[in-house]
Amino acid sequence: MLRIAIVLVLLAAPPARAEDPRVSFARGKALLEEGEENAARSAFLRAAEAAPTWLLPQLELGELAVRRREGVAEARAALATLADGGVTNPRYHRVLGDLAELEGDDAAAVTAWRASLERLPEQVEVRLRMAAALERLGRHAEAAEAYAVALARNPSDLVVRARYASALEASGAWEEAREQLGILVRLQPGKEIPLRRLARFHERRGELDEARRLHQEADRAGRRGEPPRKMRPLPPSRR
């Protein structure tokens, strides 16, 4: 009889109200700031379950999946169902690109990152990652274009200029590649590495006299960069 009474009480009780998804989302953001990623993920999942068409919790879950390298396929699939809501959102396309890259889908990553950049062009890091993915796909001319845009924002970035030169050479733009390698030499006067890079370019082009000259100049630069040798003092004379 007691068991029956308990069941009747439970049936008569009003159903538990689901937590407002905005409350769950806010809790997840607070937990993230405290470094509690597991608890934050659970809060974002509750928000997403309560509001399946709300984009923000799924974006947070996608970024967590990227950062933790966990649940990547699930996060990507969940975001794909919200394409209509995310079409104008640069963050949506960026996260989709990040997830696609982690799954080894460089072509999809490029498509997503390009869409993100069309909406927010100043994302330099996204553009550089897109350029690297384009190189992996063998689309070197497109990669060179992406590096050129990034370089226009920061002409003093030596790493990006070297990548730009490499992409130009791989695309067959020999003169443009030579020009960029020459700029690297001028930006680093007396440094061995840019001289070696330009010398090897000439070697690949079969221009061996110029390559030899540049290698000799690089040798001299390397010797100038060596720390001075410390001479051991002579032992005292026994005379």
C-alpha atoms as a PDB file:
ATOM      1  CA  MET A   1       0.000   0.000   0.000  1.00  0.00           C
ATOM      2  CA  LEU A   2       2.860   2.391   0.845  1.00  0.00           C
ATOM      3  CA  ARG A   3       4.460   1.796  -2.532  1.00  0.00           C
ATOM      4  CA  ILE A   4       1.189   2.523  -4.309  1.00  0.00           C
ATOM      5  CA  ALA A   5       0.788   5.739  -2.312  1.00  0.00           C
ATOM      6  CA  ILE A   6       4.296   6.916  -3.298  1.00  0.00           C
ATOM      7  CA  VAL A   7       3.558   6.242  -6.952  1.00  0.00           C
ATOM      8  CA  LEU A   8       0.273   8.175  -6.736  1.00  0.00           C
ATOM      9  CA  VAL A   9       2.068  11.142  -5.136  1.00  0.00           C
ATOM     10  CA  LEU A  10       4.720  11.147  -7.866  1.00  0.00           C
ATOM     11  CA  LEU A  11       2.072  10.993 -10.582  1.00  0.00           C
ATOM     12  CA  ALA A  12       0.187  13.867  -9.009  1.00  0.00           C
ATOM     13  CA  ALA A  13       3.285  16.081  -8.664  1.00  0.00           C
ATOM     14  CA  PRO A  14       3.767  18.772 -11.342  1.00  0.00           C
ATOM     15  CA  PRO A  15       6.485  17.958 -13.892  1.00  0.00           C
ATOM     16  CA  ALA A  16       9.934  19.399 -13.170  1.00  0.00           C
ATOM     17  CA  ARG A  17      10.579  22.540 -15.168  1.00  0.00           C
ATOM     18  CA  ALA A  18      13.580  22.455 -17.492  1.00  0.00           C
ATOM     19  CA  GLU A  19      16.228  25.051 -16.747  1.00  0.00           C
ATOM     20  CA  ASP A  20      16.135  28.139 -18.932  1.00  0.00           C
ATOM     21  CA  PRO A  21      18.750  27.521 -21.680  1.00  0.00           C
ATOM     22  CA  ARG A  22      20.038  31.069 -21.173  1.00  0.00           C
ATOM     23  CA  VAL A  23      20.824  30.215 -17.561  1.00  0.00           C
ATOM     24  CA  SER A  24      22.669  27.049 -18.616  1.00  0.00           C
ATOM     25  CA  PHE A  25      24.599  28.990 -21.245  1.00  0.00           C
ATOM     26  CA  ALA A  26      25.596  31.725 -18.795  1.00  0.00           C
ATOM     27  CA  ARG A  27      26.720  29.072 -16.304  1.00  0.00           C
ATOM     28  CA  GLY A  28      28.818  27.428 -19.014  1.00  0.00           C
ATOM     29  CA  LYS A  29      30.537  30.715 -19.864  1.00  0.00           C
ATOM     30  CA  ALA A  30      31.302  31.355 -16.194  1.00  0.00           C
ATOM     31  CA  LEU A  31      32.697  27.855 -15.778  1.00  0.00           C
ATOM     32  CA  LEU A  32      34.882  28.327 -18.850  1.00  0.00           C
ATOM     33  CA  GLU A  33      36.403  31.454 -17.337  1.00  0.00           C
ATOM     34  CA  GLU A  34      37.247  29.388 -14.255  1.00  0.00           C
ATOM     35  CA  GLY A  35      38.908  26.718 -16.394  1.00  0.00           C
ATOM     36  CA  GLU A  36      36.238  24.096 -15.652  1.00  0.00           C
ATOM     37  CA  GLU A  37      35.910  22.769 -19.196  1.00  0.00           C
ATOM     38  CA  ASN A  38      34.097  19.525 -18.360  1.00  0.00           C
ATOM     39  CA  ALA A  39      31.422  21.273 -16.314  1.00  0.00           C
ATOM     40  CA  ALA A  40      31.157  24.034 -18.922  1.00  0.00           C
ATOM     41  CA  ARG A  41      30.588  21.466 -21.659  1.00  0.00           C
ATOM     42  CA  SER A  42      27.790  19.868 -19.652  1.00  0.00           C
ATOM     43  CA  ALA A  43      26.138  23.266 -19.192  1.00  0.00           C
ATOM     44  CA  PHE A  44      26.372  24.066 -22.897  1.00  0.00           C
ATOM     45  CA  LEU A  45      24.925  20.641 -23.727  1.00  0.00           C
ATOM     46  CA  ARG A  46      21.940  21.349 -21.477  1.00  0.00           C
ATOM     47  CA  ALA A  47      21.427  24.687 -23.199  1.00  0.00           C
ATOM     48  CA  ALA A  48      21.654  23.070 -26.626  1.00  0.00           C
ATOM     49  CA  GLU A  49      19.187  20.337 -25.681  1.00  0.00           C
ATOM     50  CA  ALA A  50      16.716  22.882 -24.328  1.00  0.00           C
ATOM     51  CA  ALA A  51      17.071  25.163 -27.377  1.00  0.00           C
ATOM     52  CA  PRO A  52      18.080  22.970 -30.348  1.00  0.00           C
ATOM     53  CA  THR A  53      18.061  25.822 -32.884  1.00  0.00           C
ATOM     54  CA  TRP A  54      20.122  28.238 -30.747  1.00  0.00           C
ATOM     55  CA  LEU A  55      23.530  28.723 -32.344  1.00  0.00           C
ATOM     56  CA  LEU A  56      25.618  30.023 -29.427  1.00  0.00           C
ATOM     57  CA  PRO A  57      25.765  26.836 -27.300  1.00  0.00           C
ATOM     58  CA  GLN A  58      26.768  24.808 -30.355  1.00  0.00           C
ATOM     59  CA  LEU A  59      29.522  27.288 -31.173  1.00  0.00           C
ATOM     60  CA  GLU A  60      30.881  26.962 -27.648  1.00  0.00           C
ATOM     61  CA  LEU A  61      30.718  23.178 -27.914  1.00  0.00           C
ATOM     62  CA  GLY A  62      32.490  23.337 -31.277  1.00  0.00           C
ATOM     63  CA  GLU A  63      35.305  25.471 -29.899  1.00  0.00           C
ATOM     64  CA  LEU A  64      35.670  23.144 -26.930  1.00  0.00           C
ATOM     65  CA  ALA A  65      35.885  20.186 -29.309  1.00  0.00           C
ATOM     66  CA  VAL A  66      38.652  21.955 -31.238  1.00  0.00           C
ATOM     67  CA  ARG A  67      40.580  22.873 -28.106  1.00  0.00           C
ATOM     68  CA  ARG A  68      40.258  19.437 -26.501  1.00  0.00           C
ATOM     69  CA  ARG A  69      40.464  17.381 -29.725  1.00  0.00           C
ATOM     70  CA  GLU A  70      37.387  15.481 -28.507  1.00  0.00           C
ATOM     71  CA  GLY A  71      33.955  14.953 -30.030  1.00  0.00           C
ATOM     72  CA  VAL A  72      35.027  16.677 -33.238  1.00  0.00           C
ATOM     73  CA  ALA A  73      32.734  14.755 -35.604  1.00  0.00           C
ATOM     74  CA  GLU A  74      29.712  15.219 -33.324  1.00  0.00           C
ATOM     75  CA  ALA A  75      30.332  18.956 -32.948  1.00  0.00           C
ATOM     76  CA  ARG A  76      30.766  19.367 -36.690  1.00  0.00           C
ATOM     77  CA  ALA A  77      27.562  17.482 -37.448  1.00  0.00           C
ATOM     78  CA  ALA A  78      25.612  19.502 -34.883  1.00  0.00           C
ATOM     79  CA  LEU A  79      26.820  22.797 -36.340  1.00  0.00           C
ATOM     80  CA  ALA A  80      26.019  21.650 -39.872  1.00  0.00           C
ATOM     81  CA  THR A  81      22.338  21.381 -38.921  1.00  0.00           C
ATOM     82  CA  LEU A  82      22.340  25.092 -38.004  1.00  0.00           C
ATOM     83  CA  ALA A  83      23.633  26.371 -41.331  1.00  0.00           C
ATOM     84  CA  ASP A  84      20.628  28.637 -41.885  1.00  0.00           C
ATOM     85  CA  GLY A  85      21.183  30.405 -38.582  1.00  0.00           C
ATOM     86  CA  GLY A  86      24.941  30.673 -39.004  1.00  0.00           C
ATOM     87  CA  VAL A  87      25.191  31.711 -42.648  1.00  0.00           C
ATOM     88  CA  THR A  88      26.058  35.348 -41.880  1.00  0.00           C
ATOM     89  CA  ASN A  89      28.132  34.609 -38.764  1.00  0.00           C
ATOM     90  CA  PRO A  90      31.929  34.602 -39.341  1.00  0.00           C
ATOM     91  CA  ARG A  91      32.516  32.685 -36.117  1.00  0.00           C
ATOM     92  CA  TYR A  92      30.195  29.903 -37.305  1.00  0.00           C
ATOM     93  CA  HIS A  93      32.201  29.369 -40.500  1.00  0.00           C
ATOM     94  CA  ARG A  94      35.522  29.643 -38.653  1.00  0.00           C
ATOM     95  CA  VAL A  95      34.600  26.931 -36.168  1.00  0.00           C
ATOM     96  CA  LEU A  96      33.300  24.710 -38.975  1.00  0.00           C
ATOM     97  CA  GLY A  97      36.659  25.157 -40.716  1.00  0.00           C
ATOM     98  CA  ASP A  98      38.584  24.332 -37.551  1.00  0.00           C
ATOM     99  CA  LEU A  99      36.563  21.151 -37.061  1.00  0.00           C
ATOM    100  CA  ALA A 100      36.942  20.123 -40.711  1.00  0.00           C
ATOM    101  CA  GLU A 101      40.712  20.569 -40.515  1.00  0.00           C
ATOM    102  CA  LEU A 102      40.885  18.321 -37.457  1.00  0.00           C
ATOM    103  CA  GLU A 103      39.040  15.632 -39.417  1.00  0.00           C
ATOM    104  CA  GLY A 104      41.562  15.923 -42.247  1.00  0.00           C
ATOM    105  CA  ASP A 105      39.058  17.550 -44.610  1.00  0.00           C
ATOM    106  CA  ASP A 106      41.185  20.414 -45.915  1.00  0.00           C
ATOM    107  CA  ALA A 107      38.871  21.185 -48.831  1.00  0.00           C
ATOM    108  CA  ALA A 108      35.898  21.723 -46.518  1.00  0.00           C
ATOM    109  CA  ALA A 109      38.092  23.695 -44.109  1.00  0.00           C
ATOM    110  CA  VAL A 110      39.148  26.059 -46.911  1.00  0.00           C
ATOM    111  CA  THR A 111      35.541  26.568 -47.989  1.00  0.00           C
ATOM    112  CA  ALA A 112      34.428  27.362 -44.438  1.00  0.00           C
ATOM    113  CA  TRP A 113      37.380  29.639 -43.647  1.00  0.00           C
ATOM    114  CA  ARG A 114      36.901  31.515 -46.917  1.00  0.00           C
ATOM    115  CA  ALA A 115      33.260  32.136 -45.965  1.00  0.00           C
ATOM    116  CA  SER A 116      34.378  33.388 -42.544  1.00  0.00           C
ATOM    117  CA  LEU A 117      36.952  35.735 -44.098  1.00  0.00           C
ATOM    118  CA  GLU A 118      34.410  37.128 -46.531  1.00  0.00           C
ATOM    119  CA  ARG A 119      32.417  38.269 -43.508  1.00  0.00           C
ATOM    120  CA  LEU A 120      35.370  39.294 -41.320  1.00  0.00           C
ATOM    121  CA  PRO A 121      38.495  39.863 -43.462  1.00  0.00           C
ATOM    122  CA  GLU A 122      40.822  40.943 -40.636  1.00  0.00           C
ATOM    123  CA  GLN A 123      41.206  37.410 -39.238  1.00  0.00           C
ATOM    124  CA  VAL A 124      44.891  37.061 -40.134  1.00  0.00           C
ATOM    125  CA  GLU A 125      45.418  33.742 -38.339  1.00  0.00           C
ATOM    126  CA  VAL A 126      42.436  32.197 -40.127  1.00  0.00           C
ATOM    127  CA  ARG A 127      43.810  33.397 -43.462  1.00  0.00           C
ATOM    128  CA  LEU A 128      47.217  31.871 -42.741  1.00  0.00           C
ATOM    129  CA  ARG A 129      45.667  28.535 -41.781  1.00  0.00           C
ATOM    130  CA  MET A 130      43.621  28.623 -44.971  1.00  0.00           C
ATOM    131  CA  ALA A 131      46.783  29.288 -46.982  1.00  0.00           C
ATOM    132  CA  ALA A 132      48.531  26.321 -45.353  1.00  0.00           C
ATOM    133  CA  ALA A 133      45.555  24.083 -46.147  1.00  0.00           C
ATOM    134  CA  LEU A 134      45.583  25.293 -49.751  1.00  0.00           C
ATOM    135  CA  GLU A 135      49.258  24.338 -49.987  1.00  0.00           C
ATOM    136  CA  ARG A 136      48.471  20.862 -48.655  1.00  0.00           C
ATOM    137  CA  LEU A 137      45.827  20.588 -51.384  1.00  0.00           C
ATOM    138  CA  GLY A 138      48.359  21.616 -54.029  1.00  0.00           C
ATOM    139  CA  ARG A 139      46.487  24.861 -54.739  1.00  0.00           C
ATOM    140  CA  HIS A 140      49.643  26.938 -54.543  1.00  0.00           C
ATOM    141  CA  ALA A 141      48.486  29.972 -56.524  1.00  0.00           C
ATOM    142  CA  GLU A 142      45.503  30.408 -54.194  1.00  0.00           C
ATOM    143  CA  ALA A 143      47.792  29.950 -51.202  1.00  0.00           C
ATOM    144  CA  ALA A 144      50.084  32.675 -52.533  1.00  0.00           C
ATOM    145  CA  GLU A 145      47.117  35.048 -52.852  1.00  0.00           C
ATOM    146  CA  ALA A 146      46.163  34.388 -49.239  1.00  0.00           C
ATOM    147  CA  TYR A 147      49.720  34.958 -48.022  1.00  0.00           C
ATOM    148  CA  ALA A 148      49.891  38.194 -50.010  1.00  0.00           C
ATOM    149  CA  VAL A 149      46.790  39.550 -48.273  1.00  0.00           C
ATOM    150  CA  ALA A 150      48.188  38.621 -44.850  1.00  0.00           C
ATOM    151  CA  LEU A 151      51.553  40.132 -45.718  1.00  0.00           C
ATOM    152  CA  ALA A 152      49.949  43.406 -46.790  1.00  0.00           C
ATOM    153  CA  ARG A 153      48.715  43.786 -43.211  1.00  0.00           C
ATOM    154  CA  ASN A 154      52.171  43.112 -41.725  1.00  0.00           C
ATOM    155  CA  PRO A 155      54.998  43.513 -44.269  1.00  0.00           C
ATOM    156  CA  SER A 156      57.660  42.903 -41.617  1.00  0.00           C
ATOM    157  CA  ASP A 157      56.494  39.320 -40.921  1.00  0.00           C
ATOM    158  CA  LEU A 158      59.478  37.328 -42.171  1.00  0.00           C
ATOM    159  CA  VAL A 159      57.847  33.919 -41.701  1.00  0.00           C
ATOM    160  CA  VAL A 160      54.807  34.832 -43.792  1.00  0.00           C
ATOM    161  CA  ARG A 161      57.025  36.341 -46.500  1.00  0.00           C
ATOM    162  CA  ALA A 162      59.061  33.118 -46.665  1.00  0.00           C
ATOM    163  CA  ARG A 163      55.864  31.080 -47.000  1.00  0.00           C
ATOM    164  CA  TYR A 164      54.648  33.480 -49.669  1.00  0.00           C
ATOM    165  CA  ALA A 165      57.861  33.003 -51.629  1.00  0.00           C
ATOM    166  CA  SER A 166      57.564  29.226 -51.331  1.00  0.00           C
ATOM    167  CA  ALA A 167      53.955  29.248 -52.572  1.00  0.00           C
ATOM    168  CA  LEU A 168      54.882  31.518 -55.469  1.00  0.00           C
ATOM    169  CA  GLU A 169      57.695  29.188 -56.505  1.00  0.00           C
ATOM    170  CA  ALA A 170      55.461  26.132 -56.242  1.00  0.00           C
ATOM    171  CA  SER A 171      52.857  27.841 -58.424  1.00  0.00           C
ATOM    172  CA  GLY A 172      55.474  28.591 -61.106  1.00  0.00           C
ATOM    173  CA  ALA A 173      55.701  32.322 -60.424  1.00  0.00           C
ATOM    174  CA  TRP A 174      59.501  32.265 -60.499  1.00  0.00           C
ATOM    175  CA  GLU A 175      60.242  35.980 -60.805  1.00  0.00           C
ATOM    176  CA  GLU A 176      57.802  36.905 -58.057  1.00  0.00           C
ATOM    177  CA  ALA A 177      59.334  34.241 -55.803  1.00  0.00           C
ATOM    178  CA  ARG A 178      62.849  35.531 -56.525  1.00  0.00           C
ATOM    179  CA  GLU A 179      61.717  39.067 -55.668  1.00  0.00           C
ATOM    180  CA  GLN A 180      60.293  37.990 -52.304  1.00  0.00           C
ATOM    181  CA  LEU A 181      63.445  36.019 -51.448  1.00  0.00           C
ATOM    182  CA  GLY A 182      65.522  39.092 -52.324  1.00  0.00           C
ATOM    183  CA  ILE A 183      63.363  41.198 -50.002  1.00  0.00           C
ATOM    184  CA  LEU A 184      64.030  38.688 -47.215  1.00  0.00           C
ATOM    185  CA  VAL A 185      67.764  39.137 -47.776  1.00  0.00           C
ATOM    186  CA  ARG A 186      67.450  42.917 -47.655  1.00  0.00           C
ATOM    187  CA  LEU A 187      65.314  42.806 -44.522  1.00  0.00           C
ATOM    188  CA  GLN A 188      67.969  40.695 -42.767  1.00  0.00           C
ATOM    189  CA  PRO A 189      71.314  42.189 -43.794  1.00  0.00           C
ATOM    190  CA  GLY A 190      74.298  40.042 -42.975  1.00  0.00           C
ATOM    191  CA  LYS A 191      72.170  36.997 -42.039  1.00  0.00           C
ATOM    192  CA  GLU A 192      73.065  33.551 -43.319  1.00  0.00           C
ATOM    193  CA  ILE A 193      69.640  31.887 -43.574  1.00  0.00           C
ATOM    194  CA  PRO A 194      67.973  34.191 -46.134  1.00  0.00           C
ATOM    195  CA  LEU A 195      71.114  34.040 -48.285  1.00  0.00           C
ATOM    196  CA  ARG A 196      71.014  30.230 -48.195  1.00  0.00           C
ATOM    197  CA  ARG A 197      67.324  30.271 -49.096  1.00  0.00           C
ATOM    198  CA  LEU A 198      67.951  32.463 -52.122  1.00  0.00           C
ATOM    199  CA  ALA A 199      71.005  30.391 -53.132  1.00  0.00           C
ATOM    200  CA  ARG A 200      68.967  27.177 -53.108  1.00  0.00           C
ATOM    201  CA  PHE A 201      66.298  28.859 -55.199  1.00  0.00           C
ATOM    202  CA  HIS A 202      68.936  29.603 -57.847  1.00  0.00           C
ATOM    203  CA  GLU A 203      70.176  26.007 -57.602  1.00  0.00           C
ATOM    204  CA  ARG A 204      66.670  24.723 -58.334  1.00  0.00           C
ATOM    205  CA  ARG A 205      66.535  27.065 -61.325  1.00  0.00           C
ATOM    206  CA  GLY A 206      69.880  25.759 -62.597  1.00  0.00           C
ATOM    207  CA  GLU A 207      71.532  29.161 -62.086  1.00  0.00           C
ATOM    208  CA  LEU A 208      74.625  27.672 -60.510  1.00  0.00           C
ATOM    209  CA  ASP A 209      77.025  30.611 -60.732  1.00  0.00           C
ATOM    210  CA  GLU A 210      74.645  32.870 -58.814  1.00  0.00           C
ATOM    211  CA  ALA A 211      73.917  30.068 -56.357  1.00  0.00           C
ATOM    212  CA  ARG A 212      77.642  29.595 -55.722  1.00  0.00           C
ATOM    213  CA  ARG A 213      78.142  33.319 -55.154  1.00  0.00           C
ATOM    214  CA  LEU A 214      75.282  33.451 -52.656  1.00  0.00           C
ATOM    215  CA  HIS A 215      76.529  30.355 -50.822  1.00  0.00           C
ATOM    216  CA  GLN A 216      79.941  31.996 -50.447  1.00  0.00           C
ATOM    217  CA  GLU A 217      78.305  35.144 -49.107  1.00  0.00           C
ATOM    218  CA  ALA A 218      76.273  32.987 -46.696  1.00  0.00           C
ATOM    219  CA  ASP A 219      79.499  31.283 -45.564  1.00  0.00           C
ATOM    220  CA  ARG A 220      81.023  34.657 -44.734  1.00  0.00           C
ATOM    221  CA  ALA A 221      77.844  35.731 -42.913  1.00  0.00           C
ATOM    222  CA  GLY A 222      77.892  32.513 -40.921  1.00  0.00           C
ATOM    223  CA  ARG A 223      81.480  33.045 -39.856  1.00  0.00           C
ATOM    224  CA  ARG A 224      80.712  36.613 -38.807  1.00  0.00           C
ATOM    225  CA  GLY A 225      77.901  35.303 -36.644  1.00  0.00           C
ATOM    226  CA  GLU A 226      80.092  32.819 -34.786  1.00  0.00           C
ATOM    227  CA  PRO A 227      80.925  33.771 -31.194  1.00  0.00           C
ATOM    228  CA  PRO A 228      84.575  34.686 -30.685  1.00  0.00           C
ATOM    229  CA  ARG A 229      86.723  31.744 -29.695  1.00  0.00           C
ATOM    230  CA  LYS A 230      88.050  31.864 -26.173  1.00  0.00           C
ATOM    231  CA  MET A 231      91.782  31.243 -26.053  1.00  0.00           C
ATOM    232  CA  ARG A 232      93.067  29.215 -23.137  1.00  0.00           C
ATOM    233  CA  PRO A 233      95.809  31.066 -21.246  1.00  0.00           C
ATOM    234  CA  LEU A 234      99.295  29.762 -21.767  1.00  0.00           C
ATOM    235  CA  PRO A 235     100.822  27.937 -18.782  1.00  0.00           C
ATOM    236  CA  PRO A 236     103.399  29.981 -16.855  1.00  0.00           C
ATOM    237  CA  SER A 237     106.953  29.651 -18.071  1.00  0.00           C
ATOM    238  CA  ARG A 238     109.213  27.429 -16.010  1.00  0.00           C
ATOM    239  CA  ARG A 239     112.319  29.485 -16.721  1.00  0.00           C
END
